Amino acid sequence: MSSGTIVSVEDSDTDFFALQHALKVAGVTNRIERCENGREAAGYLLSDSSEFSDRASLIVLDLNLPGLDGRDLLQRIRAQDPERTVPIIVLSTSSHPKDIDRSYRAGADAYMVKPLELEDWETKVGQLAQSWLKIGDRTGKRVPLPEGNNATHHANQLSRVIEGEVIPRLLLAHYVSDWVVGDDRPEFVVGEQEVSEFSRLLLAEDFTVISAYVAAMRAQGVAVGSLYVSLLAPAARRISDWWRADRCNFTDVSVALSRLQRLTRDLAPARHPTTH
């Protein structure tokens, strides 16, 4: 695990103390630097030309901050750290799909709604931060896994982050459940080979190729919701399995998931208020 500084950008004393407790319970011993607003964080993180990763190994960012908003701060950070050498976890009270979507598009590596109970801070926030501290070194690439049981434990942790956080949040953010309900087109079923082929495209090809692949399926009459449930979500799980088997590094995983999110956003039907 990286021994660098964790930067918490948080204006709430209660939430900052909960974060400190959660990290301690998770066994994270890194120094924690707190910035109470966006401008203070910008001054600390973006003030000079030194290596960005020298100032932080992980950033835990609230969105609703006084002064410089967390959403704008996230964009500024990624402008200075385009290689995403430092993971950013957005930890916010907002569960609004637009905030989730905008945060991922701006460069967040994870998004979690702040828990209400301290126990949930321990089991969710602490473990999520621990996982991201272990994922990458200063080059932005995955650190080789330790040998033995620890390697399996760490791989399982990341898999849970992908399957337990990223996939459901994509589904919720884009109302996939609404797409499936009431769709009278035939159910779309794909085999293991098709899921693997699509997963390889997500890892190796540019977005134009991936988009064309999905467009071809849509041209055959495949419903959007069925496409997501039968192909996109299984592909995310397949890629996490390949990561556990050391067939790709975490940078590859991150890029592939970003492409999946863009696909989901592009496929989302327009939602208009119903008027009577």
Protein backbone atom coordinates (compact mmCIF):
# COMPACT_ATOMS: atom_id res chain seq x y z
CA MET A 1 0.00 0.00 0.00
CA SER A 2 1.22 3.47 -0.80
CA SER A 3 2.65 5.35 2.19
CA GLY A 4 1.92 8.83 0.83
CA THR A 5 -0.54 11.44 2.02
CA ILE A 6 -4.31 11.12 1.84
CA VAL A 7 -5.88 14.50 1.11
CA SER A 8 -9.43 14.90 2.41
CA VAL A 9 -11.32 17.86 0.95
CA GLU A 10 -14.18 18.10 3.42
CA ASP A 11 -15.94 21.02 5.10
CA SER A 12 -17.92 18.91 7.60
CA ASP A 13 -16.12 18.14 10.87
CA THR A 14 -18.41 15.19 11.50
CA ASP A 15 -17.75 13.60 8.13
CA PHE A 16 -14.01 14.19 8.40
CA PHE A 17 -13.87 12.50 11.79
CA ALA A 18 -15.93 9.61 10.39
CA LEU A 19 -13.44 9.28 7.53
CA GLN A 20 -10.50 9.27 9.94
CA HIS A 21 -12.18 6.54 11.98
CA ALA A 22 -13.01 4.48 8.89
CA LEU A 23 -9.43 4.62 7.63
CA LYS A 24 -8.09 3.63 11.03
CA VAL A 25 -10.41 0.64 11.25
CA ALA A 26 -9.38 -0.42 7.72
CA GLY A 27 -5.74 -0.41 8.82
CA VAL A 28 -4.75 2.64 6.78
CA THR A 29 -1.88 4.42 8.50
CA ASN A 30 -1.15 7.12 5.90
CA ARG A 31 -0.92 10.73 6.99
CA ILE A 32 -4.20 12.59 6.36
CA GLU A 33 -4.13 16.21 5.24
CA ARG A 34 -7.46 18.01 5.48
CA CYS A 35 -8.56 20.93 3.33
CA GLU A 36 -11.81 22.51 4.50
CA ASN A 37 -12.83 24.11 1.21
CA GLY A 38 -12.10 23.98 -2.49
CA ARG A 39 -9.81 27.01 -2.62
CA GLU A 40 -7.63 25.67 0.20
CA ALA A 41 -7.40 22.34 -1.62
CA ALA A 42 -6.47 24.03 -4.90
CA GLY A 43 -3.75 25.98 -3.11
CA TYR A 44 -2.36 22.81 -1.54
CA LEU A 45 -2.62 20.51 -4.56
CA LEU A 46 -2.15 22.81 -7.54
CA SER A 47 0.11 25.58 -6.31
CA ASP A 48 3.48 24.58 -7.80
CA SER A 49 5.11 22.59 -10.58
CA SER A 50 6.33 19.64 -8.49
CA GLU A 51 5.12 16.13 -9.22
CA PHE A 52 1.43 15.91 -8.41
CA SER A 53 1.87 12.49 -6.81
CA ASP A 54 4.42 13.97 -4.39
CA ARG A 55 1.57 15.87 -2.73
CA ALA A 56 -1.05 13.12 -2.56
CA SER A 57 -1.44 9.38 -2.94
CA LEU A 58 -5.22 9.51 -2.68
CA ILE A 59 -7.78 12.33 -2.71
CA VAL A 60 -11.15 11.97 -0.97
CA LEU A 61 -13.31 14.77 -2.32
CA ASP A 62 -16.66 16.17 -1.21
CA LEU A 63 -18.69 17.85 -3.95
CA ASN A 64 -20.60 20.54 -2.08
CA LEU A 65 -17.86 22.81 -0.82
CA PRO A 66 -17.82 26.49 0.11
CA GLY A 67 -15.96 28.72 -2.31
CA LEU A 68 -14.58 26.59 -5.14
CA ASP A 69 -17.08 23.81 -5.82
CA GLY A 70 -15.88 20.20 -5.63
CA ARG A 71 -16.98 19.55 -9.21
CA ASP A 72 -14.81 22.38 -10.51
CA LEU A 73 -11.92 21.34 -8.28
CA LEU A 74 -12.08 17.82 -9.71
CA GLN A 75 -11.73 19.19 -13.24
CA ARG A 76 -8.77 21.36 -12.23
CA ILE A 77 -7.02 18.44 -10.56
CA ARG A 78 -7.38 16.23 -13.63
CA ALA A 79 -6.16 19.07 -15.86
CA GLN A 80 -2.90 19.01 -13.88
CA ASP A 81 -2.89 15.22 -13.50
CA PRO A 82 -4.14 14.01 -16.92
CA GLU A 83 -2.43 10.64 -16.49
CA ARG A 84 -4.57 10.04 -13.38
CA THR A 85 -1.57 9.11 -11.26
CA VAL A 86 -3.50 9.93 -8.08
CA PRO A 87 -6.86 8.19 -7.48
CA ILE A 88 -9.81 10.40 -6.55
CA ILE A 89 -12.78 9.13 -4.55
CA VAL A 90 -15.80 11.41 -4.58
CA LEU A 91 -17.59 11.06 -1.25
CA SER A 92 -20.80 13.07 -1.31
CA THR A 93 -24.28 13.31 0.16
CA SER A 94 -25.62 13.59 -3.39
CA SER A 95 -27.01 10.52 -5.09
CA HIS A 96 -28.25 12.52 -8.08
CA PRO A 97 -27.44 10.77 -11.37
CA LYS A 98 -26.10 14.00 -12.89
CA ASP A 99 -23.55 14.38 -10.08
CA ILE A 100 -22.46 10.76 -10.44
CA ASP A 101 -22.17 11.02 -14.21
CA ARG A 102 -20.39 14.38 -14.18
CA SER A 103 -17.91 13.21 -11.54
CA TYR A 104 -16.88 10.13 -13.53
CA ARG A 105 -16.60 12.15 -16.74
CA ALA A 106 -14.43 14.73 -14.93
CA GLY A 107 -12.00 12.04 -13.79
CA ALA A 108 -13.24 10.50 -10.53
CA ASP A 109 -12.12 6.92 -9.98
CA ALA A 110 -14.94 6.06 -7.59
CA TYR A 111 -18.14 7.68 -6.36
CA MET A 112 -19.80 6.80 -3.07
CA VAL A 113 -22.76 8.37 -1.32
CA LYS A 114 -21.86 9.20 2.27
CA PRO A 115 -23.23 6.55 4.62
CA LEU A 116 -25.50 7.50 7.50
CA GLU A 117 -24.14 4.96 9.98
CA LEU A 118 -20.59 4.86 11.34
CA GLU A 119 -20.48 1.11 10.76
CA ASP A 120 -21.06 1.69 7.06
CA TRP A 121 -18.19 4.17 6.97
CA GLU A 122 -15.96 1.41 8.37
CA THR A 123 -17.07 -1.36 6.02
CA LYS A 124 -17.51 0.68 2.84
CA VAL A 125 -15.51 3.91 2.85
CA GLY A 126 -12.47 2.58 4.71
CA GLN A 127 -12.17 -0.50 2.53
CA LEU A 128 -12.70 1.48 -0.67
CA ALA A 129 -9.90 3.90 0.25
CA GLN A 130 -7.64 1.00 1.22
CA SER A 131 -8.24 -0.65 -2.16
CA TRP A 132 -7.41 2.49 -4.15
CA LEU A 133 -4.24 3.08 -2.15
CA LYS A 134 -3.11 -0.40 -3.14
CA ILE A 135 -4.06 -0.18 -6.79
CA GLY A 136 -1.43 2.10 -8.31
CA ASP A 137 2.10 3.34 -7.97
CA ARG A 138 3.25 6.81 -9.06
CA THR A 139 3.23 5.85 -12.71
CA GLY A 140 -0.50 5.27 -12.55
CA LYS A 141 -0.04 1.55 -13.21
CA ARG A 142 -1.04 -1.27 -10.94
CA VAL A 143 1.47 -2.34 -8.33
CA PRO A 144 2.38 -6.05 -8.65
CA LEU A 145 0.24 -8.03 -6.26
CA PRO A 146 1.82 -9.63 -3.19
CA GLU A 147 2.21 -13.38 -3.12
CA GLY A 148 -0.16 -15.90 -1.62
CA ASN A 149 -3.39 -15.19 0.21
CA ASN A 150 -2.82 -11.43 0.31
CA ALA A 151 -2.86 -11.33 -3.50
CA THR A 152 -6.18 -13.14 -3.64
CA HIS A 153 -7.64 -10.87 -0.95
CA HIS A 154 -6.58 -7.71 -2.78
CA ALA A 155 -7.90 -8.93 -6.15
CA ASN A 156 -11.20 -9.84 -4.53
CA GLN A 157 -11.38 -6.37 -2.96
CA LEU A 158 -11.01 -4.69 -6.34
CA SER A 159 -13.53 -7.05 -7.89
CA ARG A 160 -16.03 -6.10 -5.20
CA VAL A 161 -15.38 -2.40 -5.87
CA ILE A 162 -16.10 -2.92 -9.57
CA GLU A 163 -19.11 -5.20 -9.15
CA GLY A 164 -20.49 -3.66 -5.97
CA GLU A 165 -19.99 0.01 -6.77
CA VAL A 166 -19.28 0.81 -10.41
CA ILE A 167 -21.82 -1.44 -12.12
CA PRO A 168 -24.80 -0.63 -9.85
CA ARG A 169 -24.01 3.08 -9.99
CA LEU A 170 -23.92 3.02 -13.77
CA LEU A 171 -27.23 1.20 -13.77
CA LEU A 172 -28.82 3.64 -11.34
CA ALA A 173 -27.33 6.70 -12.99
CA HIS A 174 -28.80 5.83 -16.34
CA TYR A 175 -32.14 4.33 -15.27
CA VAL A 176 -31.43 0.97 -16.86
CA SER A 177 -34.24 -0.67 -14.90
CA ASP A 178 -36.66 1.72 -16.63
CA TRP A 179 -35.37 0.65 -20.03
CA VAL A 180 -36.14 -3.02 -19.45
CA VAL A 181 -39.62 -2.64 -17.99
CA GLY A 182 -42.33 -2.66 -20.63
CA ASP A 183 -40.02 -3.46 -23.55
CA ASP A 184 -41.82 -6.03 -25.68
CA ARG A 185 -38.93 -6.89 -27.98
CA PRO A 186 -37.43 -10.41 -27.73
CA GLU A 187 -34.94 -10.91 -24.92
CA PHE A 188 -31.33 -10.55 -26.05
CA VAL A 189 -29.09 -13.43 -24.99
CA VAL A 190 -25.36 -13.63 -25.66
CA GLY A 191 -22.91 -16.41 -25.03
CA GLU A 192 -19.58 -16.44 -23.23
CA GLN A 193 -17.72 -15.97 -26.51
CA GLU A 194 -19.58 -12.77 -27.36
CA VAL A 195 -18.99 -11.32 -23.87
CA SER A 196 -15.26 -12.11 -24.15
CA GLU A 197 -15.06 -10.59 -27.63
CA PHE A 198 -16.76 -7.40 -26.47
CA SER A 199 -14.51 -7.25 -23.38
CA ARG A 200 -11.42 -7.47 -25.58
CA LEU A 201 -12.73 -4.60 -27.69
CA LEU A 202 -13.21 -2.48 -24.57
CA LEU A 203 -9.60 -3.10 -23.55
CA ALA A 204 -7.89 -2.84 -26.92
CA GLU A 205 -9.89 -0.77 -29.40
CA ASP A 206 -10.77 2.90 -29.66
CA PHE A 207 -14.28 4.07 -28.88
CA THR A 208 -15.29 4.33 -32.54
CA VAL A 209 -14.85 0.58 -33.01
CA ILE A 210 -16.70 -0.21 -29.78
CA SER A 211 -19.57 2.12 -30.63
CA ALA A 212 -19.90 0.57 -34.10
CA TYR A 213 -20.07 -2.90 -32.58
CA VAL A 214 -22.94 -1.86 -30.31
CA ALA A 215 -24.67 0.07 -33.11
CA ALA A 216 -24.68 -3.08 -35.23
CA MET A 217 -26.53 -4.92 -32.47
CA ARG A 218 -28.99 -2.08 -32.08
CA ALA A 219 -29.62 -2.20 -35.85
CA GLN A 220 -30.69 -5.82 -35.39
CA GLY A 221 -33.43 -4.68 -33.02
CA VAL A 222 -31.76 -5.38 -29.67
CA ALA A 223 -33.41 -3.40 -26.85
CA VAL A 224 -31.13 -1.03 -24.95
CA GLY A 225 -31.98 -2.42 -21.51
CA SER A 226 -31.47 -5.98 -22.69
CA LEU A 227 -28.14 -4.98 -24.26
CA TYR A 228 -26.96 -3.52 -20.96
CA VAL A 229 -28.03 -6.46 -18.81
CA SER A 230 -26.83 -9.15 -21.22
CA LEU A 231 -23.61 -7.61 -22.56
CA LEU A 232 -22.35 -4.40 -20.94
CA ALA A 233 -22.60 -5.42 -17.28
CA PRO A 234 -21.24 -8.95 -17.90
CA ALA A 235 -18.32 -7.42 -19.82
CA ALA A 236 -17.43 -5.26 -16.80
CA ARG A 237 -17.39 -8.38 -14.64
CA ARG A 238 -15.36 -10.30 -17.23
CA ILE A 239 -12.73 -7.56 -17.29
CA SER A 240 -12.50 -7.63 -13.49
CA ASP A 241 -11.98 -11.41 -13.71
CA TRP A 242 -9.15 -10.88 -16.21
CA TRP A 243 -7.58 -8.34 -13.87
CA ARG A 244 -7.68 -10.89 -11.05
CA ALA A 245 -6.00 -13.39 -13.37
CA ASP A 246 -3.31 -10.76 -14.14
CA ARG A 247 -4.29 -10.56 -17.81
CA CYS A 248 -4.54 -6.76 -17.73
CA ASN A 249 -3.45 -3.95 -15.45
CA PHE A 250 -5.69 -1.55 -13.60
CA THR A 251 -5.09 1.28 -16.05
CA ASP A 252 -6.64 -0.98 -18.71
CA VAL A 253 -9.56 -1.73 -16.39
CA SER A 254 -10.14 1.97 -15.70
CA VAL A 255 -10.12 2.87 -19.41
CA ALA A 256 -12.49 0.01 -20.25
CA LEU A 257 -14.94 1.02 -17.53
CA SER A 258 -14.84 4.62 -18.73
CA ARG A 259 -15.73 3.40 -22.21
CA LEU A 260 -18.59 1.34 -20.79
CA GLN A 261 -19.90 4.38 -18.97
CA ARG A 262 -19.76 6.48 -22.13
CA LEU A 263 -21.62 3.75 -24.03
CA THR A 264 -24.30 3.63 -21.36
CA ARG A 265 -24.67 7.39 -21.42
CA ASP A 266 -24.90 7.46 -25.22
CA LEU A 267 -27.48 4.68 -25.26
CA ALA A 268 -29.66 6.22 -22.55
CA PRO A 269 -33.05 7.24 -23.96
CA ALA A 270 -34.09 10.85 -23.48
CA ARG A 271 -36.23 11.32 -20.41
CA HIS A 272 -38.91 13.97 -20.62
CA PRO A 273 -41.44 14.92 -17.98
CA THR A 274 -44.86 13.46 -18.62
CA THR A 275 -47.58 16.04 -18.99
CA HIS A 276 -51.32 15.48 -18.78
